[in-house]
C-alpha atoms as a PDB file:
ATOM      1  CA  MET A   1       7.360   3.826  -5.247  1.00  0.00           C
ATOM      2  CA  LYS A   2       4.424   6.135  -4.496  1.00  0.00           C
ATOM      3  CA  LYS A   3       2.567   3.259  -2.792  1.00  0.00           C
ATOM      4  CA  ILE A   4       5.608   2.444  -0.630  1.00  0.00           C
ATOM      5  CA  ILE A   5       5.974   6.065   0.468  1.00  0.00           C
ATOM      6  CA  LEU A   6       2.243   6.302   1.220  1.00  0.00           C
ATOM      7  CA  SER A   7       2.381   3.059   3.208  1.00  0.00           C
ATOM      8  CA  LEU A   8       5.343   4.288   5.247  1.00  0.00           C
ATOM      9  CA  PHE A   9       3.579   7.596   5.874  1.00  0.00           C
ATOM     10  CA  LEU A  10       0.420   5.812   7.007  1.00  0.00           C
ATOM     11  CA  LEU A  11       2.321   3.503   9.350  1.00  0.00           C
ATOM     12  CA  LEU A  12       4.331   6.404  10.779  1.00  0.00           C
ATOM     13  CA  SER A  13       1.182   8.485  11.224  1.00  0.00           C
ATOM     14  CA  ALA A  14      -0.525   5.602  13.002  1.00  0.00           C
ATOM     15  CA  SER A  15       2.353   5.219  15.445  1.00  0.00           C
ATOM     16  CA  ILE A  16       2.814   8.956  16.099  1.00  0.00           C
ATOM     17  CA  PHE A  17      -0.874   9.554  16.719  1.00  0.00           C
ATOM     18  CA  ALA A  18      -1.471   6.335  18.617  1.00  0.00           C
ATOM     19  CA  LEU A  19      -4.520   7.614  20.495  1.00  0.00           C
ATOM     20  CA  LYS A  20      -6.611  10.687  19.779  1.00  0.00           C
ATOM     21  CA  GLU A  21      -9.678  11.806  21.716  1.00  0.00           C
ATOM     22  CA  VAL A  22     -12.768  13.072  19.904  1.00  0.00           C
ATOM     23  CA  ASN A  23     -15.918  13.868  21.912  1.00  0.00           C
ATOM     24  CA  GLY A  24     -14.737  11.716  24.819  1.00  0.00           C
ATOM     25  CA  VAL A  25     -13.962   8.691  22.617  1.00  0.00           C
ATOM     26  CA  LEU A  26     -10.377   7.496  22.082  1.00  0.00           C
ATOM     27  CA  TYR A  27      -9.459   6.710  18.491  1.00  0.00           C
ATOM     28  CA  ARG A  28      -6.484   4.735  17.208  1.00  0.00           C
ATOM     29  CA  GLY A  29      -5.209   4.738  13.636  1.00  0.00           C
ATOM     30  CA  TYR A  30      -5.155   1.740  11.336  1.00  0.00           C
ATOM     31  CA  GLY A  31      -3.179   1.818   8.092  1.00  0.00           C
ATOM     32  CA  ASN A  32      -3.383  -1.001   5.562  1.00  0.00           C
ATOM     33  CA  SER A  33       0.037  -1.610   4.032  1.00  0.00           C
ATOM     34  CA  ARG A  34      -1.233  -3.688   1.109  1.00  0.00           C
ATOM     35  CA  PHE A  35      -3.749  -1.191  -0.280  1.00  0.00           C
ATOM     36  CA  GLY A  36      -2.501   1.997   1.365  1.00  0.00           C
ATOM     37  CA  PHE A  37      -5.686   3.214   3.058  1.00  0.00           C
ATOM     38  CA  TYR A  38      -6.007   4.627   6.567  1.00  0.00           C
ATOM     39  CA  LEU A  39      -8.764   5.241   9.100  1.00  0.00           C
ATOM     40  CA  GLU A  40      -9.194   5.886  12.798  1.00  0.00           C
ATOM     41  CA  TYR A  41     -11.455   3.670  14.894  1.00  0.00           C
ATOM     42  CA  PRO A  42     -12.790   3.914  18.493  1.00  0.00           C
ATOM     43  CA  ALA A  43     -10.149   1.795  20.235  1.00  0.00           C
ATOM     44  CA  GLU A  44     -12.044   1.240  23.505  1.00  0.00           C
ATOM     45  CA  ILE A  45     -15.359   0.421  21.809  1.00  0.00           C
ATOM     46  CA  LEU A  46     -14.439  -1.577  18.714  1.00  0.00           C
ATOM     47  CA  PHE A  47     -11.580  -4.053  18.823  1.00  0.00           C
ATOM     48  CA  MET A  48      -9.380  -4.867  15.860  1.00  0.00           C
ATOM     49  CA  GLN A  49      -9.454  -8.521  14.887  1.00  0.00           C
ATOM     50  CA  PRO A  50      -6.434 -10.413  13.488  1.00  0.00           C
ATOM     51  CA  ALA A  51      -5.452  -9.651   9.908  1.00  0.00           C
ATOM     52  CA  PRO A  52      -6.576 -12.125   7.249  1.00  0.00           C
ATOM     53  CA  ALA A  53      -3.878 -14.099   5.443  1.00  0.00           C
ATOM     54  CA  ASN A  54      -4.009 -11.811   2.387  1.00  0.00           C
ATOM     55  CA  ASN A  55      -3.822  -8.607   4.522  1.00  0.00           C
ATOM     56  CA  ASP A  56      -6.603  -6.926   2.536  1.00  0.00           C
ATOM     57  CA  GLY A  57      -8.072  -5.135   5.577  1.00  0.00           C
ATOM     58  CA  ARG A  58      -9.438  -5.561   9.060  1.00  0.00           C
ATOM     59  CA  LYS A  59     -12.569  -6.272  11.021  1.00  0.00           C
ATOM     60  CA  PHE A  60     -13.393  -4.328  14.186  1.00  0.00           C
ATOM     61  CA  VAL A  61     -15.990  -5.720  16.603  1.00  0.00           C
ATOM     62  CA  SER A  62     -17.643  -4.512  19.819  1.00  0.00           C
ATOM     63  CA  ASN A  63     -17.431  -6.620  23.000  1.00  0.00           C
ATOM     64  CA  ASP A  64     -21.050  -7.714  22.625  1.00  0.00           C
ATOM     65  CA  GLY A  65     -20.577  -8.582  18.941  1.00  0.00           C
ATOM     66  CA  GLU A  66     -23.485  -6.330  17.932  1.00  0.00           C
ATOM     67  CA  THR A  67     -21.405  -3.669  16.165  1.00  0.00           C
ATOM     68  CA  GLU A  68     -18.955  -4.381  13.404  1.00  0.00           C
ATOM     69  CA  ILE A  69     -16.749  -2.567  10.930  1.00  0.00           C
ATOM     70  CA  LEU A  70     -15.155  -4.099   7.875  1.00  0.00           C
ATOM     71  CA  ALA A  71     -12.526  -2.016   6.093  1.00  0.00           C
ATOM     72  CA  TYR A  72     -10.730  -3.638   3.181  1.00  0.00           C
ATOM     73  CA  GLY A  73      -9.430  -3.284  -0.319  1.00  0.00           C
ATOM     74  CA  THR A  74     -10.302  -5.505  -3.239  1.00  0.00           C
ATOM     75  CA  TYR A  75      -9.197  -5.345  -6.842  1.00  0.00           C
ATOM     76  CA  SER A  76     -12.021  -4.234  -9.111  1.00  0.00           C
ATOM     77  CA  LEU A  77     -10.958  -6.722 -11.778  1.00  0.00           C
ATOM     78  CA  ASP A  78     -11.799  -9.534  -9.370  1.00  0.00           C
ATOM     79  CA  PHE A  79     -15.456  -8.643 -10.021  1.00  0.00           C
ATOM     80  CA  TYR A  80     -15.718  -7.184 -13.500  1.00  0.00           C
ATOM     81  CA  PRO A  81     -14.042  -7.700 -16.878  1.00  0.00           C
ATOM     82  CA  SER A  82     -11.096  -5.540 -17.855  1.00  0.00           C
ATOM     83  CA  GLU A  83     -13.012  -4.186 -20.864  1.00  0.00           C
ATOM     84  CA  LEU A  84     -15.019  -2.038 -18.478  1.00  0.00           C
ATOM     85  CA  SER A  85     -13.542   1.263 -17.368  1.00  0.00           C
ATOM     86  CA  PRO A  86     -12.934   1.681 -13.621  1.00  0.00           C
ATOM     87  CA  ILE A  87     -16.001   3.972 -13.412  1.00  0.00           C
ATOM     88  CA  GLN A  88     -18.163   1.369 -15.175  1.00  0.00           C
ATOM     89  CA  GLN A  89     -16.864  -1.207 -12.696  1.00  0.00           C
ATOM     90  CA  LEU A  90     -17.793   1.095  -9.802  1.00  0.00           C
ATOM     91  CA  ARG A  91     -21.260   1.660 -11.286  1.00  0.00           C
ATOM     92  CA  ASN A  92     -21.794  -2.092 -11.636  1.00  0.00           C
ATOM     93  CA  HIS A  93     -20.588  -2.675  -8.066  1.00  0.00           C
ATOM     94  CA  TYR A  94     -23.086  -0.060  -6.821  1.00  0.00           C
ATOM     95  CA  TYR A  95     -26.042  -1.608  -8.636  1.00  0.00           C
ATOM     96  CA  ASP A  96     -24.969  -5.138  -7.685  1.00  0.00           C
ATOM     97  CA  SER A  97     -24.853  -4.086  -4.000  1.00  0.00           C
ATOM     98  CA  LEU A  98     -28.330  -2.551  -4.218  1.00  0.00           C
ATOM     99  CA  GLY A  99     -29.777  -5.532  -6.077  1.00  0.00           C
ATOM    100  CA  ASN A 100     -28.128  -8.314  -4.099  1.00  0.00           C
ATOM    101  CA  GLU A 101     -26.634  -7.304  -0.755  1.00  0.00           C
ATOM    102  CA  TYR A 102     -29.354  -4.805   0.168  1.00  0.00           C
ATOM    103  CA  ALA A 103     -32.294  -6.087  -1.894  1.00  0.00           C
ATOM    104  CA  TYR A 104     -34.356  -6.863   1.225  1.00  0.00           C
ATOM    105  CA  SER A 105     -33.230  -3.888   3.305  1.00  0.00           C
ATOM    106  CA  ASP A 106     -34.790  -0.518   3.965  1.00  0.00           C
ATOM    107  CA  VAL A 107     -32.336   1.649   2.034  1.00  0.00           C
ATOM    108  CA  THR A 108     -32.757   5.204   3.321  1.00  0.00           C
ATOM    109  CA  TYR A 109     -29.806   6.808   1.521  1.00  0.00           C
ATOM    110  CA  LYS A 110     -27.964   5.936  -1.661  1.00  0.00           C
ATOM    111  CA  LYS A 111     -25.667   7.996  -3.788  1.00  0.00           C
ATOM    112  CA  LEU A 112     -23.353   7.159  -6.654  1.00  0.00           C
ATOM    113  CA  ASN A 113     -20.814   9.904  -7.329  1.00  0.00           C
ATOM    114  CA  GLU A 114     -19.029   8.852 -10.491  1.00  0.00           C
ATOM    115  CA  ALA A 115     -17.129  12.136 -10.782  1.00  0.00           C
ATOM    116  CA  LYS A 116     -15.431  11.524  -7.423  1.00  0.00           C
ATOM    117  CA  GLY A 117     -15.343   7.734  -7.770  1.00  0.00           C
ATOM    118  CA  TRP A 118     -17.427   6.576  -4.809  1.00  0.00           C
ATOM    119  CA  TYR A 119     -20.826   5.441  -3.657  1.00  0.00           C
ATOM    120  CA  ILE A 120     -22.680   5.231  -0.349  1.00  0.00           C
ATOM    121  CA  ILE A 121     -25.589   2.994   0.607  1.00  0.00           C
ATOM    122  CA  SER A 122     -27.190   3.249   4.052  1.00  0.00           C
ATOM    123  CA  GLY A 123     -30.338   2.077   5.774  1.00  0.00           C
ATOM    124  CA  THR A 124     -31.668  -0.557   8.165  1.00  0.00           C
ATOM    125  CA  GLN A 125     -31.700  -4.329   8.082  1.00  0.00           C
ATOM    126  CA  ASN A 126     -32.525  -6.874  10.825  1.00  0.00           C
ATOM    127  CA  GLY A 127     -32.670  -4.268  13.611  1.00  0.00           C
ATOM    128  CA  LYS A 128     -29.373  -2.688  12.620  1.00  0.00           C
ATOM    129  CA  ILE A 129     -28.250   0.414  10.798  1.00  0.00           C
ATOM    130  CA  PHE A 130     -25.809  -0.225   7.978  1.00  0.00           C
ATOM    131  CA  TYR A 131     -23.526   2.160   6.171  1.00  0.00           C
ATOM    132  CA  LYS A 132     -21.398   1.178   3.197  1.00  0.00           C
ATOM    133  CA  LYS A 133     -19.007   3.433   1.325  1.00  0.00           C
ATOM    134  CA  VAL A 134     -16.974   2.162  -1.595  1.00  0.00           C
ATOM    135  CA  HIS A 135     -14.262   4.321  -3.082  1.00  0.00           C
ATOM    136  CA  LEU A 136     -12.498   3.609  -6.358  1.00  0.00           C
ATOM    137  CA  ALA A 137      -8.770   4.118  -5.819  1.00  0.00           C
ATOM    138  CA  TYR A 138      -6.748   4.790  -8.932  1.00  0.00           C
ATOM    139  CA  THR A 139      -3.428   3.009  -8.856  1.00  0.00           C
ATOM    140  CA  PRO A 140      -1.755   1.027 -11.610  1.00  0.00           C
ATOM    141  CA  ASP A 141      -4.303  -1.645 -10.665  1.00  0.00           C
ATOM    142  CA  SER A 142      -7.564   0.035  -9.694  1.00  0.00           C
ATOM    143  CA  TYR A 143      -9.130  -1.231  -6.501  1.00  0.00           C
ATOM    144  CA  PHE A 144     -12.189  -0.626  -4.357  1.00  0.00           C
ATOM    145  CA  MET A 145     -11.653   0.533  -0.782  1.00  0.00           C
ATOM    146  CA  VAL A 146     -14.721  -0.774   1.053  1.00  0.00           C
ATOM    147  CA  PHE A 147     -15.916   0.512   4.409  1.00  0.00           C
ATOM    148  CA  ASN A 148     -18.917  -1.230   6.027  1.00  0.00           C
ATOM    149  CA  MET A 149     -20.353  -0.469   9.451  1.00  0.00           C
ATOM    150  CA  GLU A 150     -23.351  -2.099  11.148  1.00  0.00           C
ATOM    151  CA  TYR A 151     -24.716  -1.228  14.573  1.00  0.00           C
ATOM    152  CA  PRO A 152     -27.951  -1.702  16.533  1.00  0.00           C
ATOM    153  CA  ILE A 153     -30.673   0.874  15.946  1.00  0.00           C
ATOM    154  CA  TYR A 154     -31.049   1.354  19.714  1.00  0.00           C
ATOM    155  CA  GLN A 155     -27.416   2.575  19.840  1.00  0.00           C
ATOM    156  CA  LYS A 156     -27.910   5.061  17.016  1.00  0.00           C
ATOM    157  CA  GLN A 157     -27.052   8.131  19.111  1.00  0.00           C
ATOM    158  CA  LEU A 158     -23.606   6.783  20.049  1.00  0.00           C
ATOM    159  CA  TYR A 159     -22.638   5.181  16.760  1.00  0.00           C
ATOM    160  CA  ASN A 160     -23.842   7.910  14.397  1.00  0.00           C
ATOM    161  CA  LYS A 161     -21.218  10.225  15.938  1.00  0.00           C
ATOM    162  CA  ILE A 162     -18.563   7.517  15.789  1.00  0.00           C
ATOM    163  CA  LEU A 163     -19.416   6.797  12.147  1.00  0.00           C
ATOM    164  CA  GLU A 164     -19.023  10.503  11.313  1.00  0.00           C
ATOM    165  CA  ASN A 165     -15.619  10.608  12.969  1.00  0.00           C
ATOM    166  CA  ILE A 166     -14.378   7.446  11.271  1.00  0.00           C
ATOM    167  CA  THR A 167     -15.496   8.462   7.790  1.00  0.00           C
ATOM    168  CA  ARG A 168     -13.849  11.854   8.245  1.00  0.00           C
ATOM    169  CA  THR A 169     -10.481  10.114   8.789  1.00  0.00           C
ATOM    170  CA  ILE A 170     -10.551   7.666   5.882  1.00  0.00           C
ATOM    171  CA  SER A 171      -7.836   8.366   3.341  1.00  0.00           C
ATOM    172  CA  TYR A 172      -6.691   6.416   0.284  1.00  0.00           C
END
């Protein structure tokens, strides 16, 4: 019931606040009905792609294809055995990301906050800046809300501000 109410609230919020301007950039809300998370994205810079069949999240891409956001939910038990606590699953996900996904990257920031149930990994890879935040959402079935953003280093000034604004709006 709580998830249904949250989903309705997120969808209503997204429609009421269709466009919002922050520092000259127009943002539109996106609420995921399956996992119940919400964020605002720069609607004239990054364009929402069609939903995947399982409706786990969305991809947002710039016109030139150089900048991309992935925002999605995934059940933690899809990765790790149920014997592990949700925090142990988050810890394993963090170390797996560092050891596999970003093993050959220049990681400039990493933080695991077990008390608040999230981690962040950021740095550069192949001429792009990447930022990944994973939040453990506690529901009857724990899940990870994953937010990834990649953008060209030469557009750092523009996208650092956009990244700040997006991450400020993420709610679970």
